Protein backbone atom coordinates (compact mmCIF):
# COMPACT_ATOMS: atom_id res chain seq x y z
CA UNK A 1 7.24 42.42 8.56
CA UNK A 2 6.43 39.70 6.04
CA UNK A 3 6.86 40.51 2.37
CA UNK A 4 3.62 39.52 0.59
CA UNK A 5 4.53 40.92 -2.81
CA UNK A 6 4.61 38.42 -5.68
CA UNK A 7 7.90 36.72 -6.34
CA UNK A 8 9.91 37.78 -9.44
CA UNK A 9 9.16 34.53 -11.26
CA UNK A 10 5.41 35.15 -10.79
CA UNK A 11 5.36 38.67 -12.32
CA UNK A 12 5.63 37.69 -15.99
CA UNK A 13 2.64 37.14 -18.27
CA UNK A 14 4.08 33.80 -19.35
CA UNK A 15 1.74 30.83 -19.30
CA UNK A 16 2.28 28.73 -16.20
CA UNK A 17 3.65 25.27 -16.75
CA UNK A 18 2.83 22.87 -13.93
CA UNK A 19 5.84 21.19 -12.36
CA UNK A 20 6.54 17.77 -13.70
CA UNK A 21 5.16 14.91 -11.66
CA UNK A 22 7.62 12.33 -10.41
CA UNK A 23 7.13 9.09 -12.27
CA UNK A 24 8.16 5.66 -11.03
CA UNK A 25 10.69 3.61 -12.89
CA UNK A 26 9.15 1.28 -15.48
CA UNK A 27 8.73 -2.31 -14.37
CA UNK A 28 10.12 -4.98 -16.65
CA UNK A 29 8.87 -8.43 -15.56
CA UNK A 30 11.06 -10.21 -18.11
CA UNK A 31 14.18 -8.80 -16.48
CA UNK A 32 14.18 -11.58 -13.86
CA UNK A 33 14.14 -14.29 -16.55
CA UNK A 34 17.37 -13.22 -18.21
CA UNK A 35 19.54 -15.02 -15.72
CA UNK A 36 20.56 -12.24 -13.37
CA UNK A 37 19.43 -14.35 -10.41
CA UNK A 38 16.45 -12.22 -9.43
CA UNK A 39 13.20 -14.13 -9.67
CA UNK A 40 9.94 -12.52 -8.65
CA UNK A 41 7.16 -14.37 -6.95
CA UNK A 42 4.44 -14.26 -9.57
CA UNK A 43 1.28 -13.83 -7.46
CA UNK A 44 -1.45 -11.39 -8.50
CA UNK A 45 -2.21 -8.65 -6.00
CA UNK A 46 -5.95 -9.14 -6.46
CA UNK A 47 -5.76 -12.74 -5.25
CA UNK A 48 -3.65 -11.70 -2.28
CA UNK A 49 -6.16 -9.01 -1.36
CA UNK A 50 -9.05 -11.50 -1.55
CA UNK A 51 -7.13 -13.94 0.66
CA UNK A 52 -6.42 -11.24 3.24
CA UNK A 53 -10.09 -10.20 3.22
CA UNK A 54 -11.20 -13.78 3.85
CA UNK A 55 -8.74 -14.25 6.68
CA UNK A 56 -9.68 -10.96 8.32
CA UNK A 57 -13.39 -11.72 7.92
CA UNK A 58 -13.03 -14.91 9.97
CA UNK A 59 -10.43 -13.64 12.45
CA UNK A 60 -12.98 -11.80 14.63
CA UNK A 61 -15.41 -14.70 15.11
CA UNK A 62 -12.56 -17.14 15.71
CA UNK A 63 -11.03 -14.85 18.33
CA UNK A 64 -14.42 -14.44 20.02
CA UNK A 65 -15.04 -18.19 20.05
CA UNK A 66 -11.55 -18.85 21.40
CA UNK A 67 -12.03 -16.24 24.15
CA UNK A 68 -15.39 -17.74 25.14
CA UNK A 69 -13.92 -21.25 25.20
CA UNK A 70 -11.03 -20.10 27.38
CA UNK A 71 -13.40 -18.24 29.69
CA UNK A 72 -15.65 -21.31 29.98
CA UNK A 73 -12.63 -23.56 30.63
CA UNK A 74 -11.39 -21.14 33.32
CA UNK A 75 -14.82 -21.01 35.03
CA UNK A 76 -15.37 -24.79 34.95
CA UNK A 77 -11.86 -25.60 36.08
């Protein structure tokens, strides 16, 4: 049978403290400039996202046009 009674740590009237949330290590962009050989590619994520959106927006029509051209070439040939 499964024991459904509260666990011993839950029985007290002590205020519950939520568990601490894992936090990422702080990022120090100047660390790469101190001469340790690690240089980051300084490119904003927003610009990269806009570039990917533009490429993906045109990828469908280009693929359709290419497929139609290949189909037409195959039929005519």
